[in-house]
Amino acid sequence: PLSRPGQPLDFDKTTVAGTPILSER
């Protein structure tokens, strides 16, 4: 889920645990 909507990123982490989330590229 989003905790705050905005520009999608190719790389990010979740806001508490820091789980990495990646785009297909």
PDBML (XML) file of the C-alpha atoms, coordinates in Angstrom:
<?xml version="1.0" encoding="UTF-8" ?>
<PDBx:datablock datablockName="MODEL"
   xmlns:PDBx="http://pdbml.pdb.org/schema/pdbx-v50.xsd"
   xmlns:xsi="http://www.w3.org/2001/XMLSchema-instance"
   xsi:schemaLocation="http://pdbml.pdb.org/schema/pdbx-v50.xsd pdbx-v50.xsd">
   <PDBx:atom_siteCategory>
      <PDBx:atom_site id="1">
         <PDBx:B_iso_or_equiv>0.00</PDBx:B_iso_or_equiv>
         <PDBx:Cartn_x>0.000</PDBx:Cartn_x>
         <PDBx:Cartn_y>0.000</PDBx:Cartn_y>
         <PDBx:Cartn_z>0.000</PDBx:Cartn_z>
         <PDBx:auth_asym_id>A</PDBx:auth_asym_id>
         <PDBx:auth_atom_id>CA</PDBx:auth_atom_id>
         <PDBx:auth_comp_id>PRO</PDBx:auth_comp_id>
         <PDBx:auth_seq_id>1</PDBx:auth_seq_id>
         <PDBx:group_PDB>ATOM</PDBx:group_PDB>
         <PDBx:label_alt_id xsi:nil="true" />
         <PDBx:label_asym_id>A</PDBx:label_asym_id>
         <PDBx:label_atom_id>CA</PDBx:label_atom_id>
         <PDBx:label_comp_id>PRO</PDBx:label_comp_id>
         <PDBx:label_entity_id>1</PDBx:label_entity_id>
         <PDBx:label_seq_id>1</PDBx:label_seq_id>
         <PDBx:occupancy>1.00</PDBx:occupancy>
         <PDBx:pdbx_PDB_model_num>1</PDBx:pdbx_PDB_model_num>
         <PDBx:type_symbol>C</PDBx:type_symbol>
      </PDBx:atom_site>
      <PDBx:atom_site id="2">
         <PDBx:B_iso_or_equiv>0.00</PDBx:B_iso_or_equiv>
         <PDBx:Cartn_x>0.976</PDBx:Cartn_x>
         <PDBx:Cartn_y>3.641</PDBx:Cartn_y>
         <PDBx:Cartn_z>-0.310</PDBx:Cartn_z>
         <PDBx:auth_asym_id>A</PDBx:auth_asym_id>
         <PDBx:auth_atom_id>CA</PDBx:auth_atom_id>
         <PDBx:auth_comp_id>LEU</PDBx:auth_comp_id>
         <PDBx:auth_seq_id>2</PDBx:auth_seq_id>
         <PDBx:group_PDB>ATOM</PDBx:group_PDB>
         <PDBx:label_alt_id xsi:nil="true" />
         <PDBx:label_asym_id>A</PDBx:label_asym_id>
         <PDBx:label_atom_id>CA</PDBx:label_atom_id>
         <PDBx:label_comp_id>LEU</PDBx:label_comp_id>
         <PDBx:label_entity_id>1</PDBx:label_entity_id>
         <PDBx:label_seq_id>2</PDBx:label_seq_id>
         <PDBx:occupancy>1.00</PDBx:occupancy>
         <PDBx:pdbx_PDB_model_num>1</PDBx:pdbx_PDB_model_num>
         <PDBx:type_symbol>C</PDBx:type_symbol>
      </PDBx:atom_site>
      <PDBx:atom_site id="3">
         <PDBx:B_iso_or_equiv>0.00</PDBx:B_iso_or_equiv>
         <PDBx:Cartn_x>1.476</PDBx:Cartn_x>
         <PDBx:Cartn_y>5.603</PDBx:Cartn_y>
         <PDBx:Cartn_z>2.873</PDBx:Cartn_z>
         <PDBx:auth_asym_id>A</PDBx:auth_asym_id>
         <PDBx:auth_atom_id>CA</PDBx:auth_atom_id>
         <PDBx:auth_comp_id>SER</PDBx:auth_comp_id>
         <PDBx:auth_seq_id>3</PDBx:auth_seq_id>
         <PDBx:group_PDB>ATOM</PDBx:group_PDB>
         <PDBx:label_alt_id xsi:nil="true" />
         <PDBx:label_asym_id>A</PDBx:label_asym_id>
         <PDBx:label_atom_id>CA</PDBx:label_atom_id>
         <PDBx:label_comp_id>SER</PDBx:label_comp_id>
         <PDBx:label_entity_id>1</PDBx:label_entity_id>
         <PDBx:label_seq_id>3</PDBx:label_seq_id>
         <PDBx:occupancy>1.00</PDBx:occupancy>
         <PDBx:pdbx_PDB_model_num>1</PDBx:pdbx_PDB_model_num>
         <PDBx:type_symbol>C</PDBx:type_symbol>
      </PDBx:atom_site>
      <PDBx:atom_site id="4">
         <PDBx:B_iso_or_equiv>0.00</PDBx:B_iso_or_equiv>
         <PDBx:Cartn_x>1.537</PDBx:Cartn_x>
         <PDBx:Cartn_y>8.754</PDBx:Cartn_y>
         <PDBx:Cartn_z>0.728</PDBx:Cartn_z>
         <PDBx:auth_asym_id>A</PDBx:auth_asym_id>
         <PDBx:auth_atom_id>CA</PDBx:auth_atom_id>
         <PDBx:auth_comp_id>ARG</PDBx:auth_comp_id>
         <PDBx:auth_seq_id>4</PDBx:auth_seq_id>
         <PDBx:group_PDB>ATOM</PDBx:group_PDB>
         <PDBx:label_alt_id xsi:nil="true" />
         <PDBx:label_asym_id>A</PDBx:label_asym_id>
         <PDBx:label_atom_id>CA</PDBx:label_atom_id>
         <PDBx:label_comp_id>ARG</PDBx:label_comp_id>
         <PDBx:label_entity_id>1</PDBx:label_entity_id>
         <PDBx:label_seq_id>4</PDBx:label_seq_id>
         <PDBx:occupancy>1.00</PDBx:occupancy>
         <PDBx:pdbx_PDB_model_num>1</PDBx:pdbx_PDB_model_num>
         <PDBx:type_symbol>C</PDBx:type_symbol>
      </PDBx:atom_site>
      <PDBx:atom_site id="5">
         <PDBx:B_iso_or_equiv>0.00</PDBx:B_iso_or_equiv>
         <PDBx:Cartn_x>0.763</PDBx:Cartn_x>
         <PDBx:Cartn_y>8.926</PDBx:Cartn_y>
         <PDBx:Cartn_z>-3.009</PDBx:Cartn_z>
         <PDBx:auth_asym_id>A</PDBx:auth_asym_id>
         <PDBx:auth_atom_id>CA</PDBx:auth_atom_id>
         <PDBx:auth_comp_id>PRO</PDBx:auth_comp_id>
         <PDBx:auth_seq_id>5</PDBx:auth_seq_id>
         <PDBx:group_PDB>ATOM</PDBx:group_PDB>
         <PDBx:label_alt_id xsi:nil="true" />
         <PDBx:label_asym_id>A</PDBx:label_asym_id>
         <PDBx:label_atom_id>CA</PDBx:label_atom_id>
         <PDBx:label_comp_id>PRO</PDBx:label_comp_id>
         <PDBx:label_entity_id>1</PDBx:label_entity_id>
         <PDBx:label_seq_id>5</PDBx:label_seq_id>
         <PDBx:occupancy>1.00</PDBx:occupancy>
         <PDBx:pdbx_PDB_model_num>1</PDBx:pdbx_PDB_model_num>
         <PDBx:type_symbol>C</PDBx:type_symbol>
      </PDBx:atom_site>
      <PDBx:atom_site id="6">
         <PDBx:B_iso_or_equiv>0.00</PDBx:B_iso_or_equiv>
         <PDBx:Cartn_x>3.265</PDBx:Cartn_x>
         <PDBx:Cartn_y>10.543</PDBx:Cartn_y>
         <PDBx:Cartn_z>-5.348</PDBx:Cartn_z>
         <PDBx:auth_asym_id>A</PDBx:auth_asym_id>
         <PDBx:auth_atom_id>CA</PDBx:auth_atom_id>
         <PDBx:auth_comp_id>GLY</PDBx:auth_comp_id>
         <PDBx:auth_seq_id>6</PDBx:auth_seq_id>
         <PDBx:group_PDB>ATOM</PDBx:group_PDB>
         <PDBx:label_alt_id xsi:nil="true" />
         <PDBx:label_asym_id>A</PDBx:label_asym_id>
         <PDBx:label_atom_id>CA</PDBx:label_atom_id>
         <PDBx:label_comp_id>GLY</PDBx:label_comp_id>
         <PDBx:label_entity_id>1</PDBx:label_entity_id>
         <PDBx:label_seq_id>6</PDBx:label_seq_id>
         <PDBx:occupancy>1.00</PDBx:occupancy>
         <PDBx:pdbx_PDB_model_num>1</PDBx:pdbx_PDB_model_num>
         <PDBx:type_symbol>C</PDBx:type_symbol>
      </PDBx:atom_site>
      <PDBx:atom_site id="7">
         <PDBx:B_iso_or_equiv>0.00</PDBx:B_iso_or_equiv>
         <PDBx:Cartn_x>5.766</PDBx:Cartn_x>
         <PDBx:Cartn_y>9.918</PDBx:Cartn_y>
         <PDBx:Cartn_z>-8.123</PDBx:Cartn_z>
         <PDBx:auth_asym_id>A</PDBx:auth_asym_id>
         <PDBx:auth_atom_id>CA</PDBx:auth_atom_id>
         <PDBx:auth_comp_id>GLN</PDBx:auth_comp_id>
         <PDBx:auth_seq_id>7</PDBx:auth_seq_id>
         <PDBx:group_PDB>ATOM</PDBx:group_PDB>
         <PDBx:label_alt_id xsi:nil="true" />
         <PDBx:label_asym_id>A</PDBx:label_asym_id>
         <PDBx:label_atom_id>CA</PDBx:label_atom_id>
         <PDBx:label_comp_id>GLN</PDBx:label_comp_id>
         <PDBx:label_entity_id>1</PDBx:label_entity_id>
         <PDBx:label_seq_id>7</PDBx:label_seq_id>
         <PDBx:occupancy>1.00</PDBx:occupancy>
         <PDBx:pdbx_PDB_model_num>1</PDBx:pdbx_PDB_model_num>
         <PDBx:type_symbol>C</PDBx:type_symbol>
      </PDBx:atom_site>
      <PDBx:atom_site id="8">
         <PDBx:B_iso_or_equiv>0.00</PDBx:B_iso_or_equiv>
         <PDBx:Cartn_x>6.607</PDBx:Cartn_x>
         <PDBx:Cartn_y>6.211</PDBx:Cartn_y>
         <PDBx:Cartn_z>-8.499</PDBx:Cartn_z>
         <PDBx:auth_asym_id>A</PDBx:auth_asym_id>
         <PDBx:auth_atom_id>CA</PDBx:auth_atom_id>
         <PDBx:auth_comp_id>PRO</PDBx:auth_comp_id>
         <PDBx:auth_seq_id>8</PDBx:auth_seq_id>
         <PDBx:group_PDB>ATOM</PDBx:group_PDB>
         <PDBx:label_alt_id xsi:nil="true" />
         <PDBx:label_asym_id>A</PDBx:label_asym_id>
         <PDBx:label_atom_id>CA</PDBx:label_atom_id>
         <PDBx:label_comp_id>PRO</PDBx:label_comp_id>
         <PDBx:label_entity_id>1</PDBx:label_entity_id>
         <PDBx:label_seq_id>8</PDBx:label_seq_id>
         <PDBx:occupancy>1.00</PDBx:occupancy>
         <PDBx:pdbx_PDB_model_num>1</PDBx:pdbx_PDB_model_num>
         <PDBx:type_symbol>C</PDBx:type_symbol>
      </PDBx:atom_site>
      <PDBx:atom_site id="9">
         <PDBx:B_iso_or_equiv>0.00</PDBx:B_iso_or_equiv>
         <PDBx:Cartn_x>10.290</PDBx:Cartn_x>
         <PDBx:Cartn_y>5.383</PDBx:Cartn_y>
         <PDBx:Cartn_z>-8.098</PDBx:Cartn_z>
         <PDBx:auth_asym_id>A</PDBx:auth_asym_id>
         <PDBx:auth_atom_id>CA</PDBx:auth_atom_id>
         <PDBx:auth_comp_id>LEU</PDBx:auth_comp_id>
         <PDBx:auth_seq_id>9</PDBx:auth_seq_id>
         <PDBx:group_PDB>ATOM</PDBx:group_PDB>
         <PDBx:label_alt_id xsi:nil="true" />
         <PDBx:label_asym_id>A</PDBx:label_asym_id>
         <PDBx:label_atom_id>CA</PDBx:label_atom_id>
         <PDBx:label_comp_id>LEU</PDBx:label_comp_id>
         <PDBx:label_entity_id>1</PDBx:label_entity_id>
         <PDBx:label_seq_id>9</PDBx:label_seq_id>
         <PDBx:occupancy>1.00</PDBx:occupancy>
         <PDBx:pdbx_PDB_model_num>1</PDBx:pdbx_PDB_model_num>
         <PDBx:type_symbol>C</PDBx:type_symbol>
      </PDBx:atom_site>
      <PDBx:atom_site id="10">
         <PDBx:B_iso_or_equiv>0.00</PDBx:B_iso_or_equiv>
         <PDBx:Cartn_x>12.388</PDBx:Cartn_x>
         <PDBx:Cartn_y>2.642</PDBx:Cartn_y>
         <PDBx:Cartn_z>-9.652</PDBx:Cartn_z>
         <PDBx:auth_asym_id>A</PDBx:auth_asym_id>
         <PDBx:auth_atom_id>CA</PDBx:auth_atom_id>
         <PDBx:auth_comp_id>ASP</PDBx:auth_comp_id>
         <PDBx:auth_seq_id>10</PDBx:auth_seq_id>
         <PDBx:group_PDB>ATOM</PDBx:group_PDB>
         <PDBx:label_alt_id xsi:nil="true" />
         <PDBx:label_asym_id>A</PDBx:label_asym_id>
         <PDBx:label_atom_id>CA</PDBx:label_atom_id>
         <PDBx:label_comp_id>ASP</PDBx:label_comp_id>
         <PDBx:label_entity_id>1</PDBx:label_entity_id>
         <PDBx:label_seq_id>10</PDBx:label_seq_id>
         <PDBx:occupancy>1.00</PDBx:occupancy>
         <PDBx:pdbx_PDB_model_num>1</PDBx:pdbx_PDB_model_num>
         <PDBx:type_symbol>C</PDBx:type_symbol>
      </PDBx:atom_site>
      <PDBx:atom_site id="11">
         <PDBx:B_iso_or_equiv>0.00</PDBx:B_iso_or_equiv>
         <PDBx:Cartn_x>13.882</PDBx:Cartn_x>
         <PDBx:Cartn_y>1.917</PDBx:Cartn_y>
         <PDBx:Cartn_z>-6.230</PDBx:Cartn_z>
         <PDBx:auth_asym_id>A</PDBx:auth_asym_id>
         <PDBx:auth_atom_id>CA</PDBx:auth_atom_id>
         <PDBx:auth_comp_id>PHE</PDBx:auth_comp_id>
         <PDBx:auth_seq_id>11</PDBx:auth_seq_id>
         <PDBx:group_PDB>ATOM</PDBx:group_PDB>
         <PDBx:label_alt_id xsi:nil="true" />
         <PDBx:label_asym_id>A</PDBx:label_asym_id>
         <PDBx:label_atom_id>CA</PDBx:label_atom_id>
         <PDBx:label_comp_id>PHE</PDBx:label_comp_id>
         <PDBx:label_entity_id>1</PDBx:label_entity_id>
         <PDBx:label_seq_id>11</PDBx:label_seq_id>
         <PDBx:occupancy>1.00</PDBx:occupancy>
         <PDBx:pdbx_PDB_model_num>1</PDBx:pdbx_PDB_model_num>
         <PDBx:type_symbol>C</PDBx:type_symbol>
      </PDBx:atom_site>
      <PDBx:atom_site id="12">
         <PDBx:B_iso_or_equiv>0.00</PDBx:B_iso_or_equiv>
         <PDBx:Cartn_x>12.453</PDBx:Cartn_x>
         <PDBx:Cartn_y>2.609</PDBx:Cartn_y>
         <PDBx:Cartn_z>-2.804</PDBx:Cartn_z>
         <PDBx:auth_asym_id>A</PDBx:auth_asym_id>
         <PDBx:auth_atom_id>CA</PDBx:auth_atom_id>
         <PDBx:auth_comp_id>ASP</PDBx:auth_comp_id>
         <PDBx:auth_seq_id>12</PDBx:auth_seq_id>
         <PDBx:group_PDB>ATOM</PDBx:group_PDB>
         <PDBx:label_alt_id xsi:nil="true" />
         <PDBx:label_asym_id>A</PDBx:label_asym_id>
         <PDBx:label_atom_id>CA</PDBx:label_atom_id>
         <PDBx:label_comp_id>ASP</PDBx:label_comp_id>
         <PDBx:label_entity_id>1</PDBx:label_entity_id>
         <PDBx:label_seq_id>12</PDBx:label_seq_id>
         <PDBx:occupancy>1.00</PDBx:occupancy>
         <PDBx:pdbx_PDB_model_num>1</PDBx:pdbx_PDB_model_num>
         <PDBx:type_symbol>C</PDBx:type_symbol>
      </PDBx:atom_site>
      <PDBx:atom_site id="13">
         <PDBx:B_iso_or_equiv>0.00</PDBx:B_iso_or_equiv>
         <PDBx:Cartn_x>12.125</PDBx:Cartn_x>
         <PDBx:Cartn_y>1.132</PDBx:Cartn_y>
         <PDBx:Cartn_z>0.662</PDBx:Cartn_z>
         <PDBx:auth_asym_id>A</PDBx:auth_asym_id>
         <PDBx:auth_atom_id>CA</PDBx:auth_atom_id>
         <PDBx:auth_comp_id>LYS</PDBx:auth_comp_id>
         <PDBx:auth_seq_id>13</PDBx:auth_seq_id>
         <PDBx:group_PDB>ATOM</PDBx:group_PDB>
         <PDBx:label_alt_id xsi:nil="true" />
         <PDBx:label_asym_id>A</PDBx:label_asym_id>
         <PDBx:label_atom_id>CA</PDBx:label_atom_id>
         <PDBx:label_comp_id>LYS</PDBx:label_comp_id>
         <PDBx:label_entity_id>1</PDBx:label_entity_id>
         <PDBx:label_seq_id>13</PDBx:label_seq_id>
         <PDBx:occupancy>1.00</PDBx:occupancy>
         <PDBx:pdbx_PDB_model_num>1</PDBx:pdbx_PDB_model_num>
         <PDBx:type_symbol>C</PDBx:type_symbol>
      </PDBx:atom_site>
      <PDBx:atom_site id="14">
         <PDBx:B_iso_or_equiv>0.00</PDBx:B_iso_or_equiv>
         <PDBx:Cartn_x>9.100</PDBx:Cartn_x>
         <PDBx:Cartn_y>0.746</PDBx:Cartn_y>
         <PDBx:Cartn_z>2.902</PDBx:Cartn_z>
         <PDBx:auth_asym_id>A</PDBx:auth_asym_id>
         <PDBx:auth_atom_id>CA</PDBx:auth_atom_id>
         <PDBx:auth_comp_id>THR</PDBx:auth_comp_id>
         <PDBx:auth_seq_id>14</PDBx:auth_seq_id>
         <PDBx:group_PDB>ATOM</PDBx:group_PDB>
         <PDBx:label_alt_id xsi:nil="true" />
         <PDBx:label_asym_id>A</PDBx:label_asym_id>
         <PDBx:label_atom_id>CA</PDBx:label_atom_id>
         <PDBx:label_comp_id>THR</PDBx:label_comp_id>
         <PDBx:label_entity_id>1</PDBx:label_entity_id>
         <PDBx:label_seq_id>14</PDBx:label_seq_id>
         <PDBx:occupancy>1.00</PDBx:occupancy>
         <PDBx:pdbx_PDB_model_num>1</PDBx:pdbx_PDB_model_num>
         <PDBx:type_symbol>C</PDBx:type_symbol>
      </PDBx:atom_site>
      <PDBx:atom_site id="15">
         <PDBx:B_iso_or_equiv>0.00</PDBx:B_iso_or_equiv>
         <PDBx:Cartn_x>8.871</PDBx:Cartn_x>
         <PDBx:Cartn_y>3.412</PDBx:Cartn_y>
         <PDBx:Cartn_z>5.571</PDBx:Cartn_z>
         <PDBx:auth_asym_id>A</PDBx:auth_asym_id>
         <PDBx:auth_atom_id>CA</PDBx:auth_atom_id>
         <PDBx:auth_comp_id>THR</PDBx:auth_comp_id>
         <PDBx:auth_seq_id>15</PDBx:auth_seq_id>
         <PDBx:group_PDB>ATOM</PDBx:group_PDB>
         <PDBx:label_alt_id xsi:nil="true" />
         <PDBx:label_asym_id>A</PDBx:label_asym_id>
         <PDBx:label_atom_id>CA</PDBx:label_atom_id>
         <PDBx:label_comp_id>THR</PDBx:label_comp_id>
         <PDBx:label_entity_id>1</PDBx:label_entity_id>
         <PDBx:label_seq_id>15</PDBx:label_seq_id>
         <PDBx:occupancy>1.00</PDBx:occupancy>
         <PDBx:pdbx_PDB_model_num>1</PDBx:pdbx_PDB_model_num>
         <PDBx:type_symbol>C</PDBx:type_symbol>
      </PDBx:atom_site>
      <PDBx:atom_site id="16">
         <PDBx:B_iso_or_equiv>0.00</PDBx:B_iso_or_equiv>
         <PDBx:Cartn_x>9.379</PDBx:Cartn_x>
         <PDBx:Cartn_y>1.297</PDBx:Cartn_y>
         <PDBx:Cartn_z>8.720</PDBx:Cartn_z>
         <PDBx:auth_asym_id>A</PDBx:auth_asym_id>
         <PDBx:auth_atom_id>CA</PDBx:auth_atom_id>
         <PDBx:auth_comp_id>VAL</PDBx:auth_comp_id>
         <PDBx:auth_seq_id>16</PDBx:auth_seq_id>
         <PDBx:group_PDB>ATOM</PDBx:group_PDB>
         <PDBx:label_alt_id xsi:nil="true" />
         <PDBx:label_asym_id>A</PDBx:label_asym_id>
         <PDBx:label_atom_id>CA</PDBx:label_atom_id>
         <PDBx:label_comp_id>VAL</PDBx:label_comp_id>
         <PDBx:label_entity_id>1</PDBx:label_entity_id>
         <PDBx:label_seq_id>16</PDBx:label_seq_id>
         <PDBx:occupancy>1.00</PDBx:occupancy>
         <PDBx:pdbx_PDB_model_num>1</PDBx:pdbx_PDB_model_num>
         <PDBx:type_symbol>C</PDBx:type_symbol>
      </PDBx:atom_site>
      <PDBx:atom_site id="17">
         <PDBx:B_iso_or_equiv>0.00</PDBx:B_iso_or_equiv>
         <PDBx:Cartn_x>11.302</PDBx:Cartn_x>
         <PDBx:Cartn_y>-1.935</PDBx:Cartn_y>
         <PDBx:Cartn_z>8.026</PDBx:Cartn_z>
         <PDBx:auth_asym_id>A</PDBx:auth_asym_id>
         <PDBx:auth_atom_id>CA</PDBx:auth_atom_id>
         <PDBx:auth_comp_id>ALA</PDBx:auth_comp_id>
         <PDBx:auth_seq_id>17</PDBx:auth_seq_id>
         <PDBx:group_PDB>ATOM</PDBx:group_PDB>
         <PDBx:label_alt_id xsi:nil="true" />
         <PDBx:label_asym_id>A</PDBx:label_asym_id>
         <PDBx:label_atom_id>CA</PDBx:label_atom_id>
         <PDBx:label_comp_id>ALA</PDBx:label_comp_id>
         <PDBx:label_entity_id>1</PDBx:label_entity_id>
         <PDBx:label_seq_id>17</PDBx:label_seq_id>
         <PDBx:occupancy>1.00</PDBx:occupancy>
         <PDBx:pdbx_PDB_model_num>1</PDBx:pdbx_PDB_model_num>
         <PDBx:type_symbol>C</PDBx:type_symbol>
      </PDBx:atom_site>
      <PDBx:atom_site id="18">
         <PDBx:B_iso_or_equiv>0.00</PDBx:B_iso_or_equiv>
         <PDBx:Cartn_x>13.083</PDBx:Cartn_x>
         <PDBx:Cartn_y>-0.652</PDBx:Cartn_y>
         <PDBx:Cartn_z>4.927</PDBx:Cartn_z>
         <PDBx:auth_asym_id>A</PDBx:auth_asym_id>
         <PDBx:auth_atom_id>CA</PDBx:auth_atom_id>
         <PDBx:auth_comp_id>GLY</PDBx:auth_comp_id>
         <PDBx:auth_seq_id>18</PDBx:auth_seq_id>
         <PDBx:group_PDB>ATOM</PDBx:group_PDB>
         <PDBx:label_alt_id xsi:nil="true" />
         <PDBx:label_asym_id>A</PDBx:label_asym_id>
         <PDBx:label_atom_id>CA</PDBx:label_atom_id>
         <PDBx:label_comp_id>GLY</PDBx:label_comp_id>
         <PDBx:label_entity_id>1</PDBx:label_entity_id>
         <PDBx:label_seq_id>18</PDBx:label_seq_id>
         <PDBx:occupancy>1.00</PDBx:occupancy>
         <PDBx:pdbx_PDB_model_num>1</PDBx:pdbx_PDB_model_num>
         <PDBx:type_symbol>C</PDBx:type_symbol>
      </PDBx:atom_site>
      <PDBx:atom_site id="19">
         <PDBx:B_iso_or_equiv>0.00</PDBx:B_iso_or_equiv>
         <PDBx:Cartn_x>12.035</PDBx:Cartn_x>
         <PDBx:Cartn_y>-3.517</PDBx:Cartn_y>
         <PDBx:Cartn_z>2.657</PDBx:Cartn_z>
         <PDBx:auth_asym_id>A</PDBx:auth_asym_id>
         <PDBx:auth_atom_id>CA</PDBx:auth_atom_id>
         <PDBx:auth_comp_id>THR</PDBx:auth_comp_id>
         <PDBx:auth_seq_id>19</PDBx:auth_seq_id>
         <PDBx:group_PDB>ATOM</PDBx:group_PDB>
         <PDBx:label_alt_id xsi:nil="true" />
         <PDBx:label_asym_id>A</PDBx:label_asym_id>
         <PDBx:label_atom_id>CA</PDBx:label_atom_id>
         <PDBx:label_comp_id>THR</PDBx:label_comp_id>
         <PDBx:label_entity_id>1</PDBx:label_entity_id>
         <PDBx:label_seq_id>19</PDBx:label_seq_id>
         <PDBx:occupancy>1.00</PDBx:occupancy>
         <PDBx:pdbx_PDB_model_num>1</PDBx:pdbx_PDB_model_num>
         <PDBx:type_symbol>C</PDBx:type_symbol>
      </PDBx:atom_site>
      <PDBx:atom_site id="20">
         <PDBx:B_iso_or_equiv>0.00</PDBx:B_iso_or_equiv>
         <PDBx:Cartn_x>13.388</PDBx:Cartn_x>
         <PDBx:Cartn_y>-2.751</PDBx:Cartn_y>
         <PDBx:Cartn_z>-0.846</PDBx:Cartn_z>
         <PDBx:auth_asym_id>A</PDBx:auth_asym_id>
         <PDBx:auth_atom_id>CA</PDBx:auth_atom_id>
         <PDBx:auth_comp_id>PRO</PDBx:auth_comp_id>
         <PDBx:auth_seq_id>20</PDBx:auth_seq_id>
         <PDBx:group_PDB>ATOM</PDBx:group_PDB>
         <PDBx:label_alt_id xsi:nil="true" />
         <PDBx:label_asym_id>A</PDBx:label_asym_id>
         <PDBx:label_atom_id>CA</PDBx:label_atom_id>
         <PDBx:label_comp_id>PRO</PDBx:label_comp_id>
         <PDBx:label_entity_id>1</PDBx:label_entity_id>
         <PDBx:label_seq_id>20</PDBx:label_seq_id>
         <PDBx:occupancy>1.00</PDBx:occupancy>
         <PDBx:pdbx_PDB_model_num>1</PDBx:pdbx_PDB_model_num>
         <PDBx:type_symbol>C</PDBx:type_symbol>
      </PDBx:atom_site>
      <PDBx:atom_site id="21">
         <PDBx:B_iso_or_equiv>0.00</PDBx:B_iso_or_equiv>
         <PDBx:Cartn_x>10.880</PDBx:Cartn_x>
         <PDBx:Cartn_y>-2.376</PDBx:Cartn_y>
         <PDBx:Cartn_z>-3.705</PDBx:Cartn_z>
         <PDBx:auth_asym_id>A</PDBx:auth_asym_id>
         <PDBx:auth_atom_id>CA</PDBx:auth_atom_id>
         <PDBx:auth_comp_id>ILE</PDBx:auth_comp_id>
         <PDBx:auth_seq_id>21</PDBx:auth_seq_id>
         <PDBx:group_PDB>ATOM</PDBx:group_PDB>
         <PDBx:label_alt_id xsi:nil="true" />
         <PDBx:label_asym_id>A</PDBx:label_asym_id>
         <PDBx:label_atom_id>CA</PDBx:label_atom_id>
         <PDBx:label_comp_id>ILE</PDBx:label_comp_id>
         <PDBx:label_entity_id>1</PDBx:label_entity_id>
         <PDBx:label_seq_id>21</PDBx:label_seq_id>
         <PDBx:occupancy>1.00</PDBx:occupancy>
         <PDBx:pdbx_PDB_model_num>1</PDBx:pdbx_PDB_model_num>
         <PDBx:type_symbol>C</PDBx:type_symbol>
      </PDBx:atom_site>
      <PDBx:atom_site id="22">
         <PDBx:B_iso_or_equiv>0.00</PDBx:B_iso_or_equiv>
         <PDBx:Cartn_x>12.003</PDBx:Cartn_x>
         <PDBx:Cartn_y>-2.353</PDBx:Cartn_y>
         <PDBx:Cartn_z>-7.358</PDBx:Cartn_z>
         <PDBx:auth_asym_id>A</PDBx:auth_asym_id>
         <PDBx:auth_atom_id>CA</PDBx:auth_atom_id>
         <PDBx:auth_comp_id>LEU</PDBx:auth_comp_id>
         <PDBx:auth_seq_id>22</PDBx:auth_seq_id>
         <PDBx:group_PDB>ATOM</PDBx:group_PDB>
         <PDBx:label_alt_id xsi:nil="true" />
         <PDBx:label_asym_id>A</PDBx:label_asym_id>
         <PDBx:label_atom_id>CA</PDBx:label_atom_id>
         <PDBx:label_comp_id>LEU</PDBx:label_comp_id>
         <PDBx:label_entity_id>1</PDBx:label_entity_id>
         <PDBx:label_seq_id>22</PDBx:label_seq_id>
         <PDBx:occupancy>1.00</PDBx:occupancy>
         <PDBx:pdbx_PDB_model_num>1</PDBx:pdbx_PDB_model_num>
         <PDBx:type_symbol>C</PDBx:type_symbol>
      </PDBx:atom_site>
      <PDBx:atom_site id="23">
         <PDBx:B_iso_or_equiv>0.00</PDBx:B_iso_or_equiv>
         <PDBx:Cartn_x>10.641</PDBx:Cartn_x>
         <PDBx:Cartn_y>-1.544</PDBx:Cartn_y>
         <PDBx:Cartn_z>-10.784</PDBx:Cartn_z>
         <PDBx:auth_asym_id>A</PDBx:auth_asym_id>
         <PDBx:auth_atom_id>CA</PDBx:auth_atom_id>
         <PDBx:auth_comp_id>SER</PDBx:auth_comp_id>
         <PDBx:auth_seq_id>23</PDBx:auth_seq_id>
         <PDBx:group_PDB>ATOM</PDBx:group_PDB>
         <PDBx:label_alt_id xsi:nil="true" />
         <PDBx:label_asym_id>A</PDBx:label_asym_id>
         <PDBx:label_atom_id>CA</PDBx:label_atom_id>
         <PDBx:label_comp_id>SER</PDBx:label_comp_id>
         <PDBx:label_entity_id>1</PDBx:label_entity_id>
         <PDBx:label_seq_id>23</PDBx:label_seq_id>
         <PDBx:occupancy>1.00</PDBx:occupancy>
         <PDBx:pdbx_PDB_model_num>1</PDBx:pdbx_PDB_model_num>
         <PDBx:type_symbol>C</PDBx:type_symbol>
      </PDBx:atom_site>
      <PDBx:atom_site id="24">
         <PDBx:B_iso_or_equiv>0.00</PDBx:B_iso_or_equiv>
         <PDBx:Cartn_x>11.016</PDBx:Cartn_x>
         <PDBx:Cartn_y>-4.083</PDBx:Cartn_y>
         <PDBx:Cartn_z>-13.596</PDBx:Cartn_z>
         <PDBx:auth_asym_id>A</PDBx:auth_asym_id>
         <PDBx:auth_atom_id>CA</PDBx:auth_atom_id>
         <PDBx:auth_comp_id>GLU</PDBx:auth_comp_id>
         <PDBx:auth_seq_id>24</PDBx:auth_seq_id>
         <PDBx:group_PDB>ATOM</PDBx:group_PDB>
         <PDBx:label_alt_id xsi:nil="true" />
         <PDBx:label_asym_id>A</PDBx:label_asym_id>
         <PDBx:label_atom_id>CA</PDBx:label_atom_id>
         <PDBx:label_comp_id>GLU</PDBx:label_comp_id>
         <PDBx:label_entity_id>1</PDBx:label_entity_id>
         <PDBx:label_seq_id>24</PDBx:label_seq_id>
         <PDBx:occupancy>1.00</PDBx:occupancy>
         <PDBx:pdbx_PDB_model_num>1</PDBx:pdbx_PDB_model_num>
         <PDBx:type_symbol>C</PDBx:type_symbol>
      </PDBx:atom_site>
      <PDBx:atom_site id="25">
         <PDBx:B_iso_or_equiv>0.00</PDBx:B_iso_or_equiv>
         <PDBx:Cartn_x>14.022</PDBx:Cartn_x>
         <PDBx:Cartn_y>-2.185</PDBx:Cartn_y>
         <PDBx:Cartn_z>-14.995</PDBx:Cartn_z>
         <PDBx:auth_asym_id>A</PDBx:auth_asym_id>
         <PDBx:auth_atom_id>CA</PDBx:auth_atom_id>
         <PDBx:auth_comp_id>ARG</PDBx:auth_comp_id>
         <PDBx:auth_seq_id>25</PDBx:auth_seq_id>
         <PDBx:group_PDB>ATOM</PDBx:group_PDB>
         <PDBx:label_alt_id xsi:nil="true" />
         <PDBx:label_asym_id>A</PDBx:label_asym_id>
         <PDBx:label_atom_id>CA</PDBx:label_atom_id>
         <PDBx:label_comp_id>ARG</PDBx:label_comp_id>
         <PDBx:label_entity_id>1</PDBx:label_entity_id>
         <PDBx:label_seq_id>25</PDBx:label_seq_id>
         <PDBx:occupancy>1.00</PDBx:occupancy>
         <PDBx:pdbx_PDB_model_num>1</PDBx:pdbx_PDB_model_num>
         <PDBx:type_symbol>C</PDBx:type_symbol>
      </PDBx:atom_site>
   </PDBx:atom_siteCategory>
</PDBx:datablock>
